């Protein structure tokens, strides 16, 4: 009897032309680190009286399909997820180098079909009508660079055969945390120990009455940007901005070369005034839990630039 192992799991993804309808072709195999995306159907206890102390059988509740997926910051494959979060990019090309520009606030984003393949069982789990709710970037001194996505889907089905035996594959490009950076006002920020930024589409499940227990659709809500910057207290650059209530721009990024990089531009960020707690003899650290807003000048809250050798997403 075979058992399923994470090391042999495969993730395929394809953009849907019609919401909730699984495409037959056009799949890419995408690397991932972990996934909790799956369906869940709870039971409701019976409240029927008059049939004795022992309860009658419970009722099945509605089906929810959602979960988190951690994926590596791969300068090629990450473009698939950026399109899922921000919508289609504007792409330009110069001497074989492609500059994909994603912007926040799009009024529509695509939906996808995913397949998680566990070939030992065999079981190929299909997720239909998948939309990306949020993406969380985390920057630190060491380790593998990765992001966490929150996904919502309309339904989950199973099959004993793969939807695509020969999917397209982008060459995997590893990125380390030490290749990350953070800037403000065009200058590298000093004394930063960690940083994070989370963009959310704040998706809303349209829960209509239907006999299959599924959601009707998943619609966009008001977007949001939040995050944090942790810094050793060595100057008042950020602290003065927080006191004044003056917005700052924050740029986070990973760069392998000029032709392989990811740049995350947060155009208007508001910083709270943090406490400077002294907890012992070691260095004093300040943590700024910021919120983003749309820049009236640029008409958007974020711009993400992905530069690589992939022609289109």
C-alpha atoms as a PDB file:
ATOM      1  CA  UNK A   1       0.000   0.000   0.000  1.00  0.00           C
ATOM      2  CA  UNK A   2       1.493   3.346  -1.096  1.00  0.00           C
ATOM      3  CA  UNK A   3       1.453   6.447   1.050  1.00  0.00           C
ATOM      4  CA  UNK A   4       1.509  10.074  -0.083  1.00  0.00           C
ATOM      5  CA  UNK A   5       4.557  12.236   0.660  1.00  0.00           C
ATOM      6  CA  UNK A   6       4.963  15.982   0.440  1.00  0.00           C
ATOM      7  CA  UNK A   7       8.275  15.661  -1.419  1.00  0.00           C
ATOM      8  CA  UNK A   8       6.442  14.027  -4.343  1.00  0.00           C
ATOM      9  CA  UNK A   9       3.422  16.373  -4.384  1.00  0.00           C
ATOM     10  CA  UNK A  10       2.978  18.450  -7.541  1.00  0.00           C
ATOM     11  CA  UNK A  11       1.075  21.699  -7.992  1.00  0.00           C
ATOM     12  CA  UNK A  12      -0.399  22.650 -11.365  1.00  0.00           C
ATOM     13  CA  UNK A  13      -2.173  25.938 -12.099  1.00  0.00           C
ATOM     14  CA  UNK A  14      -4.070  27.329 -15.086  1.00  0.00           C
ATOM     15  CA  UNK A  15      -6.078  30.505 -15.591  1.00  0.00           C
ATOM     16  CA  UNK A  16      -9.811  29.969 -16.101  1.00  0.00           C
ATOM     17  CA  UNK A  17     -11.614  31.512 -19.069  1.00  0.00           C
ATOM     18  CA  UNK A  18     -14.936  30.971 -17.255  1.00  0.00           C
ATOM     19  CA  UNK A  19     -15.249  31.133 -13.478  1.00  0.00           C
ATOM     20  CA  UNK A  20     -15.331  27.693 -11.864  1.00  0.00           C
ATOM     21  CA  UNK A  21     -14.775  25.775 -15.127  1.00  0.00           C
ATOM     22  CA  UNK A  22     -11.542  23.784 -15.147  1.00  0.00           C
ATOM     23  CA  UNK A  23      -9.435  24.237 -18.310  1.00  0.00           C
ATOM     24  CA  UNK A  24      -8.247  21.150 -20.187  1.00  0.00           C
ATOM     25  CA  UNK A  25      -4.897  22.680 -21.166  1.00  0.00           C
ATOM     26  CA  UNK A  26      -2.533  25.557 -20.372  1.00  0.00           C
ATOM     27  CA  UNK A  27      -1.161  24.298 -17.031  1.00  0.00           C
ATOM     28  CA  UNK A  28       2.089  25.304 -15.363  1.00  0.00           C
ATOM     29  CA  UNK A  29       3.859  23.283 -12.696  1.00  0.00           C
ATOM     30  CA  UNK A  30       4.657  25.633  -9.804  1.00  0.00           C
ATOM     31  CA  UNK A  31       7.033  25.048  -6.862  1.00  0.00           C
ATOM     32  CA  UNK A  32       5.578  25.462  -3.384  1.00  0.00           C
ATOM     33  CA  UNK A  33       6.627  24.996   0.224  1.00  0.00           C
ATOM     34  CA  UNK A  34       3.400  24.098   2.025  1.00  0.00           C
ATOM     35  CA  UNK A  35      -0.351  24.211   1.472  1.00  0.00           C
ATOM     36  CA  UNK A  36      -3.448  24.080   3.681  1.00  0.00           C
ATOM     37  CA  UNK A  37      -5.840  24.719   0.777  1.00  0.00           C
ATOM     38  CA  UNK A  38      -8.657  22.178   0.965  1.00  0.00           C
ATOM     39  CA  UNK A  39     -12.399  21.813   1.420  1.00  0.00           C
ATOM     40  CA  UNK A  40     -14.079  21.619   4.802  1.00  0.00           C
ATOM     41  CA  UNK A  41     -17.663  20.726   5.679  1.00  0.00           C
ATOM     42  CA  UNK A  42     -18.668  20.899   9.324  1.00  0.00           C
ATOM     43  CA  UNK A  43     -21.495  19.109  11.079  1.00  0.00           C
ATOM     44  CA  UNK A  44     -24.365  20.879  12.851  1.00  0.00           C
ATOM     45  CA  UNK A  45     -25.776  19.288  15.978  1.00  0.00           C
ATOM     46  CA  UNK A  46     -29.447  18.389  15.890  1.00  0.00           C
ATOM     47  CA  UNK A  47     -31.761  20.362  18.206  1.00  0.00           C
ATOM     48  CA  UNK A  48     -34.805  18.144  17.635  1.00  0.00           C
ATOM     49  CA  UNK A  49     -36.740  17.328  20.836  1.00  0.00           C
ATOM     50  CA  UNK A  50     -39.197  14.606  21.725  1.00  0.00           C
ATOM     51  CA  UNK A  51     -37.124  11.626  20.618  1.00  0.00           C
ATOM     52  CA  UNK A  52     -35.321  10.866  23.868  1.00  0.00           C
ATOM     53  CA  UNK A  53     -32.048  12.013  25.474  1.00  0.00           C
ATOM     54  CA  UNK A  54     -29.790  10.630  22.779  1.00  0.00           C
ATOM     55  CA  UNK A  55     -29.447  13.071  19.880  1.00  0.00           C
ATOM     56  CA  UNK A  56     -30.604  12.387  16.352  1.00  0.00           C
ATOM     57  CA  UNK A  57     -28.102  12.448  13.495  1.00  0.00           C
ATOM     58  CA  UNK A  58     -26.260  15.747  12.815  1.00  0.00           C
ATOM     59  CA  UNK A  59     -26.707  17.868   9.694  1.00  0.00           C
ATOM     60  CA  UNK A  60     -24.052  18.664   7.105  1.00  0.00           C
ATOM     61  CA  UNK A  61     -23.194  22.374   6.861  1.00  0.00           C
ATOM     62  CA  UNK A  62     -22.017  24.402   3.858  1.00  0.00           C
ATOM     63  CA  UNK A  63     -18.706  23.628   2.124  1.00  0.00           C
ATOM     64  CA  UNK A  64     -15.802  26.072   2.558  1.00  0.00           C
ATOM     65  CA  UNK A  65     -12.725  25.800   0.356  1.00  0.00           C
ATOM     66  CA  UNK A  66      -9.827  28.016   1.397  1.00  0.00           C
ATOM     67  CA  UNK A  67      -6.391  27.947   2.968  1.00  0.00           C
ATOM     68  CA  UNK A  68      -2.847  29.294   2.917  1.00  0.00           C
ATOM     69  CA  UNK A  69      -0.043  28.402   0.551  1.00  0.00           C
ATOM     70  CA  UNK A  70       3.619  29.224   1.130  1.00  0.00           C
ATOM     71  CA  UNK A  71       5.681  29.564  -2.038  1.00  0.00           C
ATOM     72  CA  UNK A  72       9.331  30.490  -2.653  1.00  0.00           C
ATOM     73  CA  UNK A  73      10.258  33.886  -4.044  1.00  0.00           C
ATOM     74  CA  UNK A  74      11.245  32.517  -7.429  1.00  0.00           C
ATOM     75  CA  UNK A  75      11.905  35.367  -9.863  1.00  0.00           C
ATOM     76  CA  UNK A  76      10.166  33.467 -12.684  1.00  0.00           C
ATOM     77  CA  UNK A  77       7.315  31.546 -11.053  1.00  0.00           C
ATOM     78  CA  UNK A  78       6.308  34.327  -8.645  1.00  0.00           C
ATOM     79  CA  UNK A  79       4.803  36.186 -11.615  1.00  0.00           C
ATOM     80  CA  UNK A  80       1.929  33.691 -11.750  1.00  0.00           C
ATOM     81  CA  UNK A  81       0.946  34.548  -8.188  1.00  0.00           C
ATOM     82  CA  UNK A  82       1.432  38.287  -8.683  1.00  0.00           C
ATOM     83  CA  UNK A  83      -1.048  38.147 -11.564  1.00  0.00           C
ATOM     84  CA  UNK A  84      -3.478  36.215  -9.338  1.00  0.00           C
ATOM     85  CA  UNK A  85      -3.237  38.951  -6.671  1.00  0.00           C
ATOM     86  CA  UNK A  86      -2.948  42.163  -8.704  1.00  0.00           C
ATOM     87  CA  UNK A  87      -4.354  41.253 -12.110  1.00  0.00           C
ATOM     88  CA  UNK A  88      -2.647  41.287 -15.485  1.00  0.00           C
ATOM     89  CA  UNK A  89       0.624  43.253 -15.722  1.00  0.00           C
ATOM     90  CA  UNK A  90       1.843  45.707 -18.315  1.00  0.00           C
ATOM     91  CA  UNK A  91       4.875  44.106 -19.954  1.00  0.00           C
ATOM     92  CA  UNK A  92       7.684  45.698 -21.956  1.00  0.00           C
ATOM     93  CA  UNK A  93      10.785  44.075 -23.436  1.00  0.00           C
ATOM     94  CA  UNK A  94      14.357  45.306 -23.957  1.00  0.00           C
ATOM     95  CA  UNK A  95      17.042  43.010 -25.390  1.00  0.00           C
ATOM     96  CA  UNK A  96      15.304  39.854 -24.141  1.00  0.00           C
ATOM     97  CA  UNK A  97      14.662  41.255 -20.652  1.00  0.00           C
ATOM     98  CA  UNK A  98      10.972  41.589 -19.732  1.00  0.00           C
ATOM     99  CA  UNK A  99       9.687  44.179 -17.279  1.00  0.00           C
ATOM    100  CA  UNK A 100       6.302  43.134 -15.841  1.00  0.00           C
ATOM    101  CA  UNK A 101       4.565  45.942 -13.926  1.00  0.00           C
ATOM    102  CA  UNK A 102       1.684  45.016 -11.603  1.00  0.00           C
ATOM    103  CA  UNK A 103      -0.492  47.651  -9.924  1.00  0.00           C
ATOM    104  CA  UNK A 104      -2.840  47.562  -6.950  1.00  0.00           C
ATOM    105  CA  UNK A 105      -6.496  48.518  -7.163  1.00  0.00           C
ATOM    106  CA  UNK A 106      -7.479  46.678 -10.366  1.00  0.00           C
ATOM    107  CA  UNK A 107     -11.254  46.233 -10.645  1.00  0.00           C
ATOM    108  CA  UNK A 108     -10.911  42.594 -11.709  1.00  0.00           C
ATOM    109  CA  UNK A 109      -8.501  39.729 -11.085  1.00  0.00           C
ATOM    110  CA  UNK A 110      -8.411  36.320 -12.805  1.00  0.00           C
ATOM    111  CA  UNK A 111      -9.611  33.041 -11.360  1.00  0.00           C
ATOM    112  CA  UNK A 112      -7.657  29.800 -11.551  1.00  0.00           C
ATOM    113  CA  UNK A 113      -7.929  26.047 -11.404  1.00  0.00           C
ATOM    114  CA  UNK A 114      -5.331  24.221  -9.306  1.00  0.00           C
ATOM    115  CA  UNK A 115      -4.374  20.574  -9.119  1.00  0.00           C
ATOM    116  CA  UNK A 116      -2.461  19.104  -6.187  1.00  0.00           C
ATOM    117  CA  UNK A 117      -1.167  15.744  -7.337  1.00  0.00           C
ATOM    118  CA  UNK A 118      -0.455  12.891  -4.925  1.00  0.00           C
ATOM    119  CA  UNK A 119       0.548  10.199  -7.372  1.00  0.00           C
ATOM    120  CA  UNK A 120       1.214   7.440  -4.801  1.00  0.00           C
ATOM    121  CA  UNK A 121      -2.441   7.110  -3.734  1.00  0.00           C
ATOM    122  CA  UNK A 122      -3.241   8.093  -6.545  1.00  0.00           C
ATOM    123  CA  UNK A 123      -5.273  11.249  -5.881  1.00  0.00           C
ATOM    124  CA  UNK A 124      -5.242  14.441  -7.912  1.00  0.00           C
ATOM    125  CA  UNK A 125      -7.142  17.128  -6.011  1.00  0.00           C
ATOM    126  CA  UNK A 126      -8.766  19.774  -8.197  1.00  0.00           C
ATOM    127  CA  UNK A 127      -9.646  23.229  -6.898  1.00  0.00           C
ATOM    128  CA  UNK A 128     -11.945  25.286  -9.133  1.00  0.00           C
ATOM    129  CA  UNK A 129     -12.769  28.990  -9.042  1.00  0.00           C
ATOM    130  CA  UNK A 130      -9.641  29.859  -7.036  1.00  0.00           C
ATOM    131  CA  UNK A 131      -8.986  33.524  -6.287  1.00  0.00           C
ATOM    132  CA  UNK A 132      -6.046  34.991  -4.372  1.00  0.00           C
ATOM    133  CA  UNK A 133      -7.140  36.916  -1.296  1.00  0.00           C
ATOM    134  CA  UNK A 134      -3.802  38.160   0.053  1.00  0.00           C
ATOM    135  CA  UNK A 135      -0.045  37.952  -0.271  1.00  0.00           C
ATOM    136  CA  UNK A 136       2.401  38.452   2.600  1.00  0.00           C
ATOM    137  CA  UNK A 137       6.055  39.343   1.989  1.00  0.00           C
ATOM    138  CA  UNK A 138       8.494  38.839   4.867  1.00  0.00           C
ATOM    139  CA  UNK A 139      12.047  40.163   4.955  1.00  0.00           C
ATOM    140  CA  UNK A 140      14.690  39.053   7.426  1.00  0.00           C
ATOM    141  CA  UNK A 141      18.454  38.630   7.596  1.00  0.00           C
ATOM    142  CA  UNK A 142      18.789  34.953   6.649  1.00  0.00           C
ATOM    143  CA  UNK A 143      16.897  31.995   5.252  1.00  0.00           C
ATOM    144  CA  UNK A 144      15.001  31.221   2.076  1.00  0.00           C
ATOM    145  CA  UNK A 145      12.847  34.047   0.730  1.00  0.00           C
ATOM    146  CA  UNK A 146       9.177  33.063   0.579  1.00  0.00           C
ATOM    147  CA  UNK A 147       5.691  34.550   0.544  1.00  0.00           C
ATOM    148  CA  UNK A 148       2.401  33.327   1.994  1.00  0.00           C
ATOM    149  CA  UNK A 149      -0.782  33.454  -0.069  1.00  0.00           C
ATOM    150  CA  UNK A 150      -4.326  33.146   1.198  1.00  0.00           C
ATOM    151  CA  UNK A 151      -6.553  31.468  -1.386  1.00  0.00           C
ATOM    152  CA  UNK A 152     -10.304  30.975  -1.702  1.00  0.00           C
ATOM    153  CA  UNK A 153     -12.017  28.537  -4.060  1.00  0.00           C
ATOM    154  CA  UNK A 154     -15.510  27.634  -5.136  1.00  0.00           C
ATOM    155  CA  UNK A 155     -15.174  23.860  -4.922  1.00  0.00           C
ATOM    156  CA  UNK A 156     -12.853  20.881  -4.641  1.00  0.00           C
ATOM    157  CA  UNK A 157     -13.039  17.627  -6.579  1.00  0.00           C
ATOM    158  CA  UNK A 158     -10.923  14.514  -6.870  1.00  0.00           C
ATOM    159  CA  UNK A 159      -9.557  12.433  -9.723  1.00  0.00           C
ATOM    160  CA  UNK A 160      -7.281   9.408 -10.088  1.00  0.00           C
ATOM    161  CA  UNK A 161      -5.500  10.851 -13.133  1.00  0.00           C
ATOM    162  CA  UNK A 162      -3.582  14.094 -13.692  1.00  0.00           C
ATOM    163  CA  UNK A 163      -5.250  16.855 -15.707  1.00  0.00           C
ATOM    164  CA  UNK A 164      -2.024  17.494 -17.655  1.00  0.00           C
ATOM    165  CA  UNK A 165       0.776  14.942 -18.005  1.00  0.00           C
ATOM    166  CA  UNK A 166       3.199  17.465 -19.567  1.00  0.00           C
ATOM    167  CA  UNK A 167       2.661  20.914 -18.000  1.00  0.00           C
ATOM    168  CA  UNK A 168       4.861  23.902 -18.794  1.00  0.00           C
ATOM    169  CA  UNK A 169       7.684  24.533 -16.322  1.00  0.00           C
ATOM    170  CA  UNK A 170       9.546  27.764 -15.591  1.00  0.00           C
ATOM    171  CA  UNK A 171      13.133  27.223 -14.499  1.00  0.00           C
ATOM    172  CA  UNK A 172      13.310  27.539 -10.717  1.00  0.00           C
ATOM    173  CA  UNK A 173      15.470  30.424  -9.500  1.00  0.00           C
ATOM    174  CA  UNK A 174      16.315  30.355  -5.805  1.00  0.00           C
ATOM    175  CA  UNK A 175      16.330  33.626  -3.844  1.00  0.00           C
ATOM    176  CA  UNK A 176      17.848  34.054  -0.386  1.00  0.00           C
ATOM    177  CA  UNK A 177      16.813  36.574   2.237  1.00  0.00           C
ATOM    178  CA  UNK A 178      20.283  38.127   2.172  1.00  0.00           C
ATOM    179  CA  UNK A 179      19.500  39.323  -1.368  1.00  0.00           C
ATOM    180  CA  UNK A 180      16.667  41.489  -0.047  1.00  0.00           C
ATOM    181  CA  UNK A 181      16.721  45.219   0.713  1.00  0.00           C
ATOM    182  CA  UNK A 182      14.501  48.030   1.988  1.00  0.00           C
ATOM    183  CA  UNK A 183      14.534  51.698   0.896  1.00  0.00           C
ATOM    184  CA  UNK A 184      12.643  54.886   1.642  1.00  0.00           C
ATOM    185  CA  UNK A 185      12.971  58.081  -0.352  1.00  0.00           C
ATOM    186  CA  UNK A 186      15.334  56.285  -2.717  1.00  0.00           C
ATOM    187  CA  UNK A 187      17.860  55.598   0.067  1.00  0.00           C
ATOM    188  CA  UNK A 188      18.676  52.326   1.799  1.00  0.00           C
ATOM    189  CA  UNK A 189      17.348  52.292   5.363  1.00  0.00           C
ATOM    190  CA  UNK A 190      19.897  51.482   8.058  1.00  0.00           C
ATOM    191  CA  UNK A 191      19.411  49.476  11.271  1.00  0.00           C
ATOM    192  CA  UNK A 192      16.448  47.462   9.882  1.00  0.00           C
ATOM    193  CA  UNK A 193      16.220  43.992  11.442  1.00  0.00           C
ATOM    194  CA  UNK A 194      12.991  42.766   9.821  1.00  0.00           C
ATOM    195  CA  UNK A 195      10.186  44.003   7.583  1.00  0.00           C
ATOM    196  CA  UNK A 196       6.904  42.699   6.214  1.00  0.00           C
ATOM    197  CA  UNK A 197       4.148  43.848   3.873  1.00  0.00           C
ATOM    198  CA  UNK A 198       0.730  42.253   3.348  1.00  0.00           C
ATOM    199  CA  UNK A 199      -1.575  43.232   0.497  1.00  0.00           C
ATOM    200  CA  UNK A 200      -5.149  41.960   0.660  1.00  0.00           C
ATOM    201  CA  UNK A 201      -7.983  41.986  -1.860  1.00  0.00           C
ATOM    202  CA  UNK A 202     -10.411  41.405   1.055  1.00  0.00           C
ATOM    203  CA  UNK A 203     -12.417  38.953  -1.018  1.00  0.00           C
ATOM    204  CA  UNK A 204     -16.068  38.333  -0.211  1.00  0.00           C
ATOM    205  CA  UNK A 205     -17.766  34.980  -0.707  1.00  0.00           C
ATOM    206  CA  UNK A 206     -21.205  35.347  -2.301  1.00  0.00           C
ATOM    207  CA  UNK A 207     -23.173  32.797  -0.320  1.00  0.00           C
ATOM    208  CA  UNK A 208     -26.431  32.259  -2.159  1.00  0.00           C
ATOM    209  CA  UNK A 209     -28.953  29.524  -1.477  1.00  0.00           C
ATOM    210  CA  UNK A 210     -28.132  26.508  -3.651  1.00  0.00           C
ATOM    211  CA  UNK A 211     -28.472  22.769  -3.173  1.00  0.00           C
ATOM    212  CA  UNK A 212     -24.774  21.897  -3.586  1.00  0.00           C
ATOM    213  CA  UNK A 213     -23.543  23.956  -0.604  1.00  0.00           C
ATOM    214  CA  UNK A 214     -21.040  25.925  -2.711  1.00  0.00           C
ATOM    215  CA  UNK A 215     -20.504  29.667  -2.931  1.00  0.00           C
ATOM    216  CA  UNK A 216     -21.906  31.426  -5.989  1.00  0.00           C
ATOM    217  CA  UNK A 217     -18.815  33.576  -6.581  1.00  0.00           C
ATOM    218  CA  UNK A 218     -15.920  35.331  -4.854  1.00  0.00           C
ATOM    219  CA  UNK A 219     -15.905  39.113  -5.349  1.00  0.00           C
ATOM    220  CA  UNK A 220     -13.333  41.834  -4.709  1.00  0.00           C
ATOM    221  CA  UNK A 221     -13.550  44.074  -1.651  1.00  0.00           C
ATOM    222  CA  UNK A 222     -11.663  47.243  -0.711  1.00  0.00           C
ATOM    223  CA  UNK A 223      -7.938  46.528  -0.956  1.00  0.00           C
ATOM    224  CA  UNK A 224      -5.629  47.043   2.012  1.00  0.00           C
ATOM    225  CA  UNK A 225      -1.913  47.250   2.711  1.00  0.00           C
ATOM    226  CA  UNK A 226      -0.369  46.705   6.113  1.00  0.00           C
ATOM    227  CA  UNK A 227       2.996  45.649   7.446  1.00  0.00           C
ATOM    228  CA  UNK A 228       5.767  46.327   9.891  1.00  0.00           C
ATOM    229  CA  UNK A 229       9.312  47.624  10.028  1.00  0.00           C
ATOM    230  CA  UNK A 230      11.527  46.644  12.959  1.00  0.00           C
ATOM    231  CA  UNK A 231      14.617  48.751  13.498  1.00  0.00           C
ATOM    232  CA  UNK A 232      17.386  49.114  16.055  1.00  0.00           C
ATOM    233  CA  UNK A 233      17.041  52.583  17.567  1.00  0.00           C
ATOM    234  CA  UNK A 234      19.972  54.510  16.129  1.00  0.00           C
ATOM    235  CA  UNK A 235      18.415  57.628  14.602  1.00  0.00           C
ATOM    236  CA  UNK A 236      15.115  59.545  14.422  1.00  0.00           C
ATOM    237  CA  UNK A 237      14.484  59.352  10.664  1.00  0.00           C
ATOM    238  CA  UNK A 238      11.401  57.114  10.860  1.00  0.00           C
ATOM    239  CA  UNK A 239      10.417  58.327  14.328  1.00  0.00           C
ATOM    240  CA  UNK A 240      10.180  61.946  13.166  1.00  0.00           C
ATOM    241  CA  UNK A 241       7.979  60.901  10.231  1.00  0.00           C
ATOM    242  CA  UNK A 242       5.720  59.000  12.636  1.00  0.00           C
ATOM    243  CA  UNK A 243       5.427  61.985  15.016  1.00  0.00           C
ATOM    244  CA  UNK A 244       4.521  64.343  12.172  1.00  0.00           C
ATOM    245  CA  UNK A 245       2.019  61.950  10.587  1.00  0.00           C
ATOM    246  CA  UNK A 246       3.903  62.402   7.330  1.00  0.00           C
ATOM    247  CA  UNK A 247       3.549  59.531   4.850  1.00  0.00           C
ATOM    248  CA  UNK A 248       6.673  57.879   3.481  1.00  0.00           C
ATOM    249  CA  UNK A 249       7.318  55.632   0.524  1.00  0.00           C
ATOM    250  CA  UNK A 250       8.734  52.185   1.218  1.00  0.00           C
ATOM    251  CA  UNK A 251      10.482  50.008  -1.343  1.00  0.00           C
ATOM    252  CA  UNK A 252      11.163  46.348  -0.637  1.00  0.00           C
ATOM    253  CA  UNK A 253      12.924  44.081  -3.053  1.00  0.00           C
ATOM    254  CA  UNK A 254      15.062  41.101  -3.993  1.00  0.00           C
ATOM    255  CA  UNK A 255      17.749  41.441  -6.636  1.00  0.00           C
ATOM    256  CA  UNK A 256      19.867  38.722  -8.206  1.00  0.00           C
ATOM    257  CA  UNK A 257      21.002  40.823 -11.162  1.00  0.00           C
ATOM    258  CA  UNK A 258      19.709  43.858 -13.028  1.00  0.00           C
ATOM    259  CA  UNK A 259      17.827  41.424 -15.298  1.00  0.00           C
ATOM    260  CA  UNK A 260      16.411  39.263 -12.467  1.00  0.00           C
ATOM    261  CA  UNK A 261      14.737  41.155  -9.645  1.00  0.00           C
ATOM    262  CA  UNK A 262      11.501  41.849  -7.786  1.00  0.00           C
ATOM    263  CA  UNK A 263      10.679  45.372  -6.587  1.00  0.00           C
ATOM    264  CA  UNK A 264       7.707  46.122  -4.288  1.00  0.00           C
ATOM    265  CA  UNK A 265       6.886  49.832  -4.123  1.00  0.00           C
ATOM    266  CA  UNK A 266       4.501  51.043  -1.401  1.00  0.00           C
ATOM    267  CA  UNK A 267       3.841  54.619  -2.480  1.00  0.00           C
ATOM    268  CA  UNK A 268       2.200  56.096   0.622  1.00  0.00           C
ATOM    269  CA  UNK A 269       2.769  54.503   4.019  1.00  0.00           C
ATOM    270  CA  UNK A 270       1.717  55.929   7.389  1.00  0.00           C
ATOM    271  CA  UNK A 271       3.785  55.052  10.446  1.00  0.00           C
ATOM    272  CA  UNK A 272       2.543  54.971  14.058  1.00  0.00           C
ATOM    273  CA  UNK A 273       4.701  56.420  16.813  1.00  0.00           C
ATOM    274  CA  UNK A 274       6.102  53.336  18.604  1.00  0.00           C
ATOM    275  CA  UNK A 275       7.322  52.856  22.152  1.00  0.00           C
ATOM    276  CA  UNK A 276      11.053  52.679  22.758  1.00  0.00           C
ATOM    277  CA  UNK A 277      11.043  49.980  25.416  1.00  0.00           C
ATOM    278  CA  UNK A 278      14.254  49.211  27.276  1.00  0.00           C
ATOM    279  CA  UNK A 279      14.173  45.535  28.260  1.00  0.00           C
ATOM    280  CA  UNK A 280      17.782  44.986  29.282  1.00  0.00           C
ATOM    281  CA  UNK A 281      21.366  45.795  28.429  1.00  0.00           C
ATOM    282  CA  UNK A 282      21.086  44.977  24.722  1.00  0.00           C
ATOM    283  CA  UNK A 283      20.121  47.277  21.854  1.00  0.00           C
ATOM    284  CA  UNK A 284      16.768  49.104  21.844  1.00  0.00           C
ATOM    285  CA  UNK A 285      14.377  48.187  19.042  1.00  0.00           C
ATOM    286  CA  UNK A 286      11.377  50.034  17.592  1.00  0.00           C
ATOM    287  CA  UNK A 287       8.623  48.353  15.606  1.00  0.00           C
ATOM    288  CA  UNK A 288       6.446  50.385  13.226  1.00  0.00           C
ATOM    289  CA  UNK A 289       3.161  48.680  12.261  1.00  0.00           C
ATOM    290  CA  UNK A 290       2.318  50.719   9.176  1.00  0.00           C
ATOM    291  CA  UNK A 291      -0.764  51.148   6.993  1.00  0.00           C
ATOM    292  CA  UNK A 292      -0.775  51.976   3.300  1.00  0.00           C
ATOM    293  CA  UNK A 293      -3.029  54.313   1.331  1.00  0.00           C
ATOM    294  CA  UNK A 294      -3.533  55.307  -2.295  1.00  0.00           C
ATOM    295  CA  UNK A 295      -1.221  58.036  -3.535  1.00  0.00           C
ATOM    296  CA  UNK A 296      -3.396  60.768  -4.998  1.00  0.00           C
ATOM    297  CA  UNK A 297      -0.528  61.793  -7.245  1.00  0.00           C
ATOM    298  CA  UNK A 298      -0.004  58.297  -8.712  1.00  0.00           C
ATOM    299  CA  UNK A 299      -3.577  57.034  -8.341  1.00  0.00           C
ATOM    300  CA  UNK A 300      -2.509  53.720  -6.787  1.00  0.00           C
ATOM    301  CA  UNK A 301      -1.229  52.265  -3.535  1.00  0.00           C
ATOM    302  CA  UNK A 302       1.402  49.810  -4.804  1.00  0.00           C
ATOM    303  CA  UNK A 303       3.494  49.028  -7.860  1.00  0.00           C
ATOM    304  CA  UNK A 304       5.278  45.687  -8.206  1.00  0.00           C
ATOM    305  CA  UNK A 305       7.994  45.345 -10.825  1.00  0.00           C
ATOM    306  CA  UNK A 306       9.131  41.863 -11.816  1.00  0.00           C
ATOM    307  CA  UNK A 307      12.092  41.755 -14.184  1.00  0.00           C
ATOM    308  CA  UNK A 308      13.049  38.416 -15.713  1.00  0.00           C
ATOM    309  CA  UNK A 309      13.246  36.458 -18.973  1.00  0.00           C
ATOM    310  CA  UNK A 310       9.599  35.276 -19.038  1.00  0.00           C
ATOM    311  CA  UNK A 311       7.751  36.711 -22.031  1.00  0.00           C
ATOM    312  CA  UNK A 312       4.248  36.840 -20.530  1.00  0.00           C
ATOM    313  CA  UNK A 313       1.998  35.614 -17.720  1.00  0.00           C
END
